Amino acid sequence: MSKVRSILLVDDDTISSMIIVLLMEELNVNVKIYTAANGQEALDFIQNFEGDDQTDKKFPELILLDINMPVMDGFEFLDKLVTLKDLPDFRIIMLTTSNYPLDRERAKKYPISGYVNKPLTEEKMNEILATAW
C-alpha cells in the first residue's frame, strides 16, 4: 500500500499532467494531485501551503519534477528548495523527457529519490510508489 496521499506535479506540459492524473485513476490510487506549471509556482505552493491532517489538504509526500520548464526549471527549483527550512518529509522524482547525460549526472547532486524518463507508464508509477519509501 502506498504511503502517498498527495503529489505535487511540477510540469509545464498539460498533456503530460493529464496523463499522470488519468494513470493514477487507472491504478486506483486515491491521492490528491496538486499541480504547478514551473519551479516558481512549485516554490510558491510549498512556501504558502496550508493544511493539516484534519482536512483533505495534505502536504505532498511526493514531488514529480520536470527539468525543462519556463520561468524556473527543475534544477533552479532544487537549488532554491534546498535552502528552505522546516519542510515536511517528502521525496522528489525527476520526471523528464531529457535524455541528456549531463542532466542525469547533474540530478545526482540533489536530494532526489529517482530519475524517470517520460512517458510515465503504469509500471514506472508502480515502481515509484513502491520504492519512494
Protein backbone atom coordinates (compact mmCIF):
# COMPACT_ATOMS: atom_id res chain seq x y z
CA MET A 1 0.00 0.00 0.00
CA SER A 2 1.37 3.37 -0.98
CA LYS A 3 2.10 5.93 1.72
CA VAL A 4 1.47 8.68 -0.80
CA ARG A 5 -1.65 10.68 -0.02
CA SER A 6 -0.79 13.66 -2.20
CA ILE A 7 1.55 14.55 -5.05
CA LEU A 8 2.89 17.86 -6.33
CA LEU A 9 3.28 17.56 -10.09
CA VAL A 10 5.63 20.24 -11.44
CA ASP A 11 5.40 20.25 -15.23
CA ASP A 12 4.54 22.81 -17.89
CA ASP A 13 3.17 20.13 -20.24
CA THR A 14 -0.58 19.96 -19.60
CA ILE A 15 -0.99 16.79 -21.66
CA SER A 16 1.67 15.01 -19.62
CA SER A 17 -0.04 16.20 -16.43
CA MET A 18 -3.42 14.92 -17.63
CA ILE A 19 -1.88 11.54 -18.45
CA ILE A 20 -0.46 11.26 -14.94
CA VAL A 21 -3.83 12.11 -13.39
CA LEU A 22 -5.54 9.50 -15.58
CA LEU A 23 -2.84 6.95 -14.79
CA MET A 24 -3.37 7.43 -11.06
CA GLU A 25 -7.10 6.93 -11.53
CA GLU A 26 -6.47 3.80 -13.60
CA LEU A 27 -4.17 2.44 -10.89
CA ASN A 28 -6.94 3.18 -8.39
CA VAL A 29 -4.51 5.16 -6.25
CA ASN A 30 -6.51 7.64 -4.21
CA VAL A 31 -4.23 10.67 -4.00
CA LYS A 32 -4.67 14.41 -4.14
CA ILE A 33 -2.68 15.85 -7.05
CA TYR A 34 -1.53 19.44 -6.87
CA THR A 35 -0.01 20.98 -10.00
CA ALA A 36 2.48 23.72 -10.76
CA ALA A 37 3.49 24.79 -14.27
CA ASN A 38 7.06 25.68 -13.30
CA GLY A 39 9.52 25.73 -10.44
CA GLN A 40 8.49 29.15 -9.19
CA GLU A 41 4.86 28.09 -8.88
CA ALA A 42 6.01 24.98 -7.02
CA LEU A 43 8.13 27.01 -4.60
CA ASP A 44 5.23 29.39 -4.00
CA PHE A 45 2.97 26.40 -3.35
CA ILE A 46 5.41 24.86 -0.87
CA GLN A 47 6.09 28.11 0.97
CA ASN A 48 2.41 29.02 1.23
CA PHE A 49 0.95 25.58 1.83
CA GLU A 50 -1.70 25.50 4.50
CA GLY A 51 -3.22 22.23 5.51
CA ASP A 52 -3.44 19.77 8.31
CA ASP A 53 -4.22 16.14 8.97
CA GLN A 54 -7.85 17.02 9.77
CA THR A 55 -8.63 18.03 6.18
CA ASP A 56 -8.00 16.66 2.74
CA LYS A 57 -5.13 19.13 2.37
CA LYS A 58 -2.03 17.05 3.00
CA PHE A 59 1.46 18.28 2.20
CA PRO A 60 2.67 16.24 -0.79
CA GLU A 61 4.75 13.22 0.13
CA LEU A 62 5.93 13.04 -3.47
CA ILE A 63 7.05 15.69 -5.94
CA LEU A 64 7.22 14.71 -9.61
CA LEU A 65 9.54 17.30 -11.14
CA ASP A 66 10.19 18.08 -14.79
CA ILE A 67 13.53 19.60 -15.75
CA ASN A 68 12.76 21.80 -18.76
CA MET A 69 10.17 24.46 -17.90
CA PRO A 70 9.80 28.18 -18.45
CA VAL A 71 10.25 30.77 -15.66
CA MET A 72 12.16 28.38 -13.36
CA ASP A 73 13.39 24.95 -14.46
CA GLY A 74 13.67 21.87 -12.28
CA PHE A 75 17.31 22.43 -11.33
CA GLU A 76 16.69 26.05 -10.37
CA PHE A 77 13.76 24.83 -8.26
CA LEU A 78 16.01 22.30 -6.50
CA ASP A 79 18.66 24.98 -5.87
CA LYS A 80 16.05 27.12 -4.09
CA LEU A 81 14.32 24.21 -2.36
CA VAL A 82 17.46 23.05 -0.54
CA THR A 83 17.70 26.48 1.12
CA LEU A 84 14.22 26.23 2.70
CA LYS A 85 13.91 25.25 6.35
CA ASP A 86 11.39 23.19 8.33
CA LEU A 87 9.81 21.34 5.42
CA PRO A 88 7.82 18.16 5.98
CA ASP A 89 9.27 14.87 4.77
CA PHE A 90 8.78 14.24 1.05
CA ARG A 91 10.52 12.59 -1.89
CA ILE A 92 11.38 14.05 -5.29
CA ILE A 93 11.39 12.11 -8.55
CA MET A 94 12.74 13.84 -11.63
CA LEU A 95 10.24 13.01 -14.37
CA THR A 96 11.53 14.30 -17.67
CA THR A 97 11.91 13.84 -21.40
CA SER A 98 15.58 14.78 -21.13
CA ASN A 99 17.91 12.01 -22.28
CA TYR A 100 20.86 14.36 -21.95
CA PRO A 101 23.55 12.52 -19.90
CA LEU A 102 24.68 15.74 -18.21
CA ASP A 103 21.14 16.28 -16.85
CA ARG A 104 21.20 12.83 -15.28
CA GLU A 105 24.64 13.49 -13.77
CA ARG A 106 23.59 16.91 -12.52
CA ALA A 107 20.48 15.41 -10.90
CA LYS A 108 22.70 13.17 -8.75
CA LYS A 109 23.92 16.27 -6.91
CA TYR A 110 20.47 16.88 -5.43
CA PRO A 111 18.45 15.08 -2.76
CA ILE A 112 16.20 13.25 -5.20
CA SER A 113 14.88 9.72 -4.95
CA GLY A 114 14.92 8.90 -8.64
CA TYR A 115 15.19 9.96 -12.26
CA VAL A 116 12.49 8.66 -14.60
CA ASN A 117 12.11 9.32 -18.31
CA LYS A 118 8.70 10.17 -19.73
CA PRO A 119 6.30 8.88 -20.65
CA LEU A 120 5.21 7.72 -17.23
CA THR A 121 3.76 4.23 -17.54
CA GLU A 122 1.80 2.08 -15.12
CA GLU A 123 4.93 0.04 -14.45
CA LYS A 124 7.07 3.12 -13.77
CA MET A 125 4.42 4.65 -11.49
CA ASN A 126 4.04 1.43 -9.51
CA GLU A 127 7.81 1.33 -9.08
CA ILE A 128 7.89 4.96 -7.92
CA LEU A 129 5.12 4.36 -5.40
CA ALA A 130 6.73 1.15 -4.14
CA THR A 131 10.30 2.36 -3.83
CA ALA A 132 9.97 6.02 -2.90
CA TRP A 133 9.90 4.88 0.73
